[in-house]
Amino acid sequence: MKGCLRQAEAWRLRRRTLHAMVLLCRARLLVALVPLARWRGSLGLDGEGAGGRESGREARRLALHVERAAARLPFETKCLARAMALSWLLRARAIPHALVIAARPRAARGGDDALHAWVEQGGAIVLGELPGPWLEMLRAGAGDPMDSAVGN
């Protein structure tokens, strides 16, 4: 009986990762083919929704599934596609969060990408943490859109 429960749990986790893979493919296609204005509204989630420590744990668990899914795809997924996939997973569970798209200030740019995206839940970055400074260009969902400079 214990073996069946463990096997059922393993398949449940695999299904979550598979679902994240599908969402990563969808995100990559949207970014490549559809203007941001058409899909921006599907990102982030304001409001009270599911809150507290448990939603933070769930957000981190889902972020791990997105990262695991990205590692298994036969193509590269950038930070924006990963953030979009996690945002959709969190929205489906009514977990408030913000998807942030930011640019590195010109003076701080080196060989790194000048743009970056991440997901915040409960004030903490759950996916895409990268040292700053960053200038927010778009914040979809929970959080104050007037906070424009982030120094991670």
C-alpha atoms as a PDB file:
ATOM      1  CA  MET A   1       0.000   0.000   0.000  1.00  0.00           C
ATOM      2  CA  LYS A   2       2.827   2.412   0.862  1.00  0.00           C
ATOM      3  CA  GLY A   3       4.491   1.744  -2.483  1.00  0.00           C
ATOM      4  CA  CYS A   4       1.280   2.602  -4.343  1.00  0.00           C
ATOM      5  CA  LEU A   5       0.971   5.897  -2.484  1.00  0.00           C
ATOM      6  CA  ARG A   6       4.579   6.790  -3.233  1.00  0.00           C
ATOM      7  CA  GLN A   7       4.108   5.886  -6.877  1.00  0.00           C
ATOM      8  CA  ALA A   8       0.906   7.963  -7.069  1.00  0.00           C
ATOM      9  CA  GLU A   9       2.737  10.940  -5.545  1.00  0.00           C
ATOM     10  CA  ALA A  10       5.614  10.535  -8.016  1.00  0.00           C
ATOM     11  CA  TRP A  11       3.176  10.598 -10.945  1.00  0.00           C
ATOM     12  CA  ARG A  12       1.395  13.645  -9.509  1.00  0.00           C
ATOM     13  CA  LEU A  13       4.727  15.488  -9.387  1.00  0.00           C
ATOM     14  CA  ARG A  14       5.581  14.375 -12.931  1.00  0.00           C
ATOM     15  CA  ARG A  15       2.225  15.705 -14.148  1.00  0.00           C
ATOM     16  CA  ARG A  16       3.013  19.088 -12.551  1.00  0.00           C
ATOM     17  CA  THR A  17       6.361  19.194 -14.337  1.00  0.00           C
ATOM     18  CA  LEU A  18       4.747  18.151 -17.626  1.00  0.00           C
ATOM     19  CA  HIS A  19       2.142  20.888 -17.216  1.00  0.00           C
ATOM     20  CA  ALA A  20       4.962  23.392 -16.626  1.00  0.00           C
ATOM     21  CA  MET A  21       6.642  22.158 -19.836  1.00  0.00           C
ATOM     22  CA  VAL A  22       3.455  22.840 -21.811  1.00  0.00           C
ATOM     23  CA  LEU A  23       3.177  26.312 -20.298  1.00  0.00           C
ATOM     24  CA  LEU A  24       6.827  27.062 -21.113  1.00  0.00           C
ATOM     25  CA  CYS A  25       6.187  26.152 -24.761  1.00  0.00           C
ATOM     26  CA  ARG A  26       3.067  28.331 -24.783  1.00  0.00           C
ATOM     27  CA  ALA A  27       4.984  31.242 -23.237  1.00  0.00           C
ATOM     28  CA  ARG A  28       7.823  30.955 -25.715  1.00  0.00           C
ATOM     29  CA  LEU A  29       5.374  31.038 -28.631  1.00  0.00           C
ATOM     30  CA  LEU A  30       3.478  34.014 -27.218  1.00  0.00           C
ATOM     31  CA  VAL A  31       6.660  36.024 -26.697  1.00  0.00           C
ATOM     32  CA  ALA A  32       7.824  35.248 -30.233  1.00  0.00           C
ATOM     33  CA  LEU A  33       4.551  35.730 -32.107  1.00  0.00           C
ATOM     34  CA  VAL A  34       2.041  37.819 -30.162  1.00  0.00           C
ATOM     35  CA  PRO A  35       2.374  41.452 -28.999  1.00  0.00           C
ATOM     36  CA  LEU A  36       2.745  41.941 -25.241  1.00  0.00           C
ATOM     37  CA  ALA A  37      -0.469  43.966 -25.074  1.00  0.00           C
ATOM     38  CA  ARG A  38      -2.465  40.839 -26.034  1.00  0.00           C
ATOM     39  CA  TRP A  39      -1.172  38.593 -23.203  1.00  0.00           C
ATOM     40  CA  ARG A  40      -0.081  41.033 -20.493  1.00  0.00           C
ATOM     41  CA  GLY A  41      -3.434  40.702 -18.726  1.00  0.00           C
ATOM     42  CA  SER A  42      -2.853  36.983 -18.134  1.00  0.00           C
ATOM     43  CA  LEU A  43       0.125  37.695 -15.854  1.00  0.00           C
ATOM     44  CA  GLY A  44       0.284  38.385 -12.137  1.00  0.00           C
ATOM     45  CA  LEU A  45      -2.569  38.361  -9.658  1.00  0.00           C
ATOM     46  CA  ASP A  46      -3.652  41.144  -7.329  1.00  0.00           C
ATOM     47  CA  GLY A  47      -5.867  40.666  -4.352  1.00  0.00           C
ATOM     48  CA  GLU A  48      -6.160  38.639  -1.240  1.00  0.00           C
ATOM     49  CA  GLY A  49      -6.509  35.148  -2.749  1.00  0.00           C
ATOM     50  CA  ALA A  50      -4.666  32.383  -0.949  1.00  0.00           C
ATOM     51  CA  GLY A  51      -2.179  34.066   1.334  1.00  0.00           C
ATOM     52  CA  GLY A  52       0.282  33.402   4.055  1.00  0.00           C
ATOM     53  CA  ARG A  53       3.168  31.080   4.553  1.00  0.00           C
ATOM     54  CA  GLU A  54       1.544  28.102   2.819  1.00  0.00           C
ATOM     55  CA  SER A  55       1.061  30.017  -0.431  1.00  0.00           C
ATOM     56  CA  GLY A  56       4.745  30.984  -0.297  1.00  0.00           C
ATOM     57  CA  ARG A  57       5.704  27.330   0.021  1.00  0.00           C
ATOM     58  CA  GLU A  58       3.420  26.391  -2.853  1.00  0.00           C
ATOM     59  CA  ALA A  59       4.883  29.180  -5.008  1.00  0.00           C
ATOM     60  CA  ARG A  60       8.419  27.882  -4.367  1.00  0.00           C
ATOM     61  CA  ARG A  61       7.328  24.301  -5.136  1.00  0.00           C
ATOM     62  CA  LEU A  62       5.765  25.397  -8.419  1.00  0.00           C
ATOM     63  CA  ALA A  63       8.896  27.405  -9.267  1.00  0.00           C
ATOM     64  CA  LEU A  64      10.920  24.209  -8.862  1.00  0.00           C
ATOM     65  CA  HIS A  65       8.610  22.433 -11.303  1.00  0.00           C
ATOM     66  CA  VAL A  66       9.082  25.252 -13.821  1.00  0.00           C
ATOM     67  CA  GLU A  67      12.873  25.060 -13.451  1.00  0.00           C
ATOM     68  CA  ARG A  68      12.788  21.265 -13.746  1.00  0.00           C
ATOM     69  CA  ALA A  69      10.578  21.507 -16.833  1.00  0.00           C
ATOM     70  CA  ALA A  70      12.884  24.066 -18.442  1.00  0.00           C
ATOM     71  CA  ALA A  71      15.868  21.780 -17.921  1.00  0.00           C
ATOM     72  CA  ARG A  72      14.060  18.951 -19.725  1.00  0.00           C
ATOM     73  CA  LEU A  73      12.997  20.865 -22.829  1.00  0.00           C
ATOM     74  CA  PRO A  74      15.117  20.487 -25.980  1.00  0.00           C
ATOM     75  CA  PHE A  75      15.397  24.285 -26.361  1.00  0.00           C
ATOM     76  CA  GLU A  76      16.460  27.174 -24.159  1.00  0.00           C
ATOM     77  CA  THR A  77      13.831  29.020 -22.155  1.00  0.00           C
ATOM     78  CA  LYS A  78      14.636  32.537 -21.074  1.00  0.00           C
ATOM     79  CA  CYS A  79      13.612  34.132 -17.805  1.00  0.00           C
ATOM     80  CA  LEU A  80      10.462  35.718 -19.275  1.00  0.00           C
ATOM     81  CA  ALA A  81       8.990  32.402 -20.435  1.00  0.00           C
ATOM     82  CA  ARG A  82       9.779  30.841 -17.052  1.00  0.00           C
ATOM     83  CA  ALA A  83       8.193  33.740 -15.189  1.00  0.00           C
ATOM     84  CA  MET A  84       5.105  33.578 -17.408  1.00  0.00           C
ATOM     85  CA  ALA A  85       4.682  29.835 -16.831  1.00  0.00           C
ATOM     86  CA  LEU A  86       4.967  30.249 -13.060  1.00  0.00           C
ATOM     87  CA  SER A  87       2.558  33.191 -13.117  1.00  0.00           C
ATOM     88  CA  TRP A  88      -0.069  31.094 -14.894  1.00  0.00           C
ATOM     89  CA  LEU A  89       0.408  28.251 -12.403  1.00  0.00           C
ATOM     90  CA  LEU A  90       0.019  30.650  -9.463  1.00  0.00           C
ATOM     91  CA  ARG A  91      -3.055  32.319 -10.990  1.00  0.00           C
ATOM     92  CA  ALA A  92      -4.694  28.907 -11.392  1.00  0.00           C
ATOM     93  CA  ARG A  93      -4.302  28.450  -7.618  1.00  0.00           C
ATOM     94  CA  ALA A  94      -5.437  32.009  -6.780  1.00  0.00           C
ATOM     95  CA  ILE A  95      -2.068  32.834  -5.196  1.00  0.00           C
ATOM     96  CA  PRO A  96      -1.373  36.589  -5.377  1.00  0.00           C
ATOM     97  CA  HIS A  97       1.953  37.390  -7.017  1.00  0.00           C
ATOM     98  CA  ALA A  98       3.709  39.827  -9.293  1.00  0.00           C
ATOM     99  CA  LEU A  99       5.571  39.202 -12.518  1.00  0.00           C
ATOM    100  CA  VAL A 100       8.260  41.852 -12.959  1.00  0.00           C
ATOM    101  CA  ILE A 101      10.098  42.772 -16.155  1.00  0.00           C
ATOM    102  CA  ALA A 102      13.096  45.031 -15.605  1.00  0.00           C
ATOM    103  CA  ALA A 103      16.132  46.495 -17.327  1.00  0.00           C
ATOM    104  CA  ARG A 104      19.636  46.824 -15.993  1.00  0.00           C
ATOM    105  CA  PRO A 105      20.754  50.483 -15.931  1.00  0.00           C
ATOM    106  CA  ARG A 106      23.113  51.313 -18.796  1.00  0.00           C
ATOM    107  CA  ALA A 107      26.031  51.990 -16.432  1.00  0.00           C
ATOM    108  CA  ALA A 108      25.612  48.564 -14.779  1.00  0.00           C
ATOM    109  CA  ARG A 109      25.404  46.524 -17.985  1.00  0.00           C
ATOM    110  CA  GLY A 110      28.296  44.236 -18.684  1.00  0.00           C
ATOM    111  CA  GLY A 111      28.234  41.056 -20.680  1.00  0.00           C
ATOM    112  CA  ASP A 112      24.976  40.055 -18.982  1.00  0.00           C
ATOM    113  CA  ASP A 113      21.519  40.408 -20.481  1.00  0.00           C
ATOM    114  CA  ALA A 114      20.153  43.915 -20.111  1.00  0.00           C
ATOM    115  CA  LEU A 115      16.599  42.627 -19.488  1.00  0.00           C
ATOM    116  CA  HIS A 116      15.304  40.250 -16.854  1.00  0.00           C
ATOM    117  CA  ALA A 117      11.993  38.890 -15.544  1.00  0.00           C
ATOM    118  CA  TRP A 118      11.131  37.357 -12.204  1.00  0.00           C
ATOM    119  CA  VAL A 119       8.154  36.401 -10.028  1.00  0.00           C
ATOM    120  CA  GLU A 120       7.532  37.723  -6.525  1.00  0.00           C
ATOM    121  CA  GLN A 121       5.128  36.244  -4.017  1.00  0.00           C
ATOM    122  CA  GLY A 122       4.591  37.769  -0.617  1.00  0.00           C
ATOM    123  CA  GLY A 123       7.416  40.253  -1.184  1.00  0.00           C
ATOM    124  CA  ALA A 124       9.998  37.547  -1.931  1.00  0.00           C
ATOM    125  CA  ILE A 125      11.408  36.514  -5.284  1.00  0.00           C
ATOM    126  CA  VAL A 126      10.419  32.890  -5.904  1.00  0.00           C
ATOM    127  CA  LEU A 127      11.775  32.566  -9.455  1.00  0.00           C
ATOM    128  CA  GLY A 128      14.455  34.459 -11.317  1.00  0.00           C
ATOM    129  CA  GLU A 129      16.478  36.017  -8.533  1.00  0.00           C
ATOM    130  CA  LEU A 130      19.473  37.813 -10.009  1.00  0.00           C
ATOM    131  CA  PRO A 131      21.656  40.509  -8.425  1.00  0.00           C
ATOM    132  CA  GLY A 132      20.670  44.060  -9.378  1.00  0.00           C
ATOM    133  CA  PRO A 133      20.350  46.887  -9.741  1.00  0.00           C
ATOM    134  CA  TRP A 134      17.219  46.698 -11.914  1.00  0.00           C
ATOM    135  CA  LEU A 135      14.819  49.343 -13.168  1.00  0.00           C
ATOM    136  CA  GLU A 136      11.286  47.969 -13.330  1.00  0.00           C
ATOM    137  CA  MET A 137       9.576  48.439 -16.675  1.00  0.00           C
ATOM    138  CA  LEU A 138       6.467  46.358 -15.954  1.00  0.00           C
ATOM    139  CA  ARG A 139       4.933  44.924 -12.807  1.00  0.00           C
ATOM    140  CA  ALA A 140       1.909  42.746 -13.430  1.00  0.00           C
ATOM    141  CA  GLY A 141      -0.033  41.778 -10.346  1.00  0.00           C
ATOM    142  CA  ALA A 142       0.480  42.241  -6.621  1.00  0.00           C
ATOM    143  CA  GLY A 143       2.693  45.065  -5.515  1.00  0.00           C
ATOM    144  CA  ASP A 144       3.089  48.763  -5.951  1.00  0.00           C
ATOM    145  CA  PRO A 145       3.661  49.715  -9.603  1.00  0.00           C
ATOM    146  CA  MET A 146       5.305  52.956  -8.455  1.00  0.00           C
ATOM    147  CA  ASP A 147       8.344  51.123  -7.054  1.00  0.00           C
ATOM    148  CA  SER A 148      10.648  51.586 -10.032  1.00  0.00           C
ATOM    149  CA  ALA A 149      14.157  50.853  -8.758  1.00  0.00           C
ATOM    150  CA  VAL A 150      15.110  47.498  -7.325  1.00  0.00           C
ATOM    151  CA  GLY A 151      18.556  46.820  -5.908  1.00  0.00           C
ATOM    152  CA  ASN A 152      18.482  43.059  -5.329  1.00  0.00           C
END
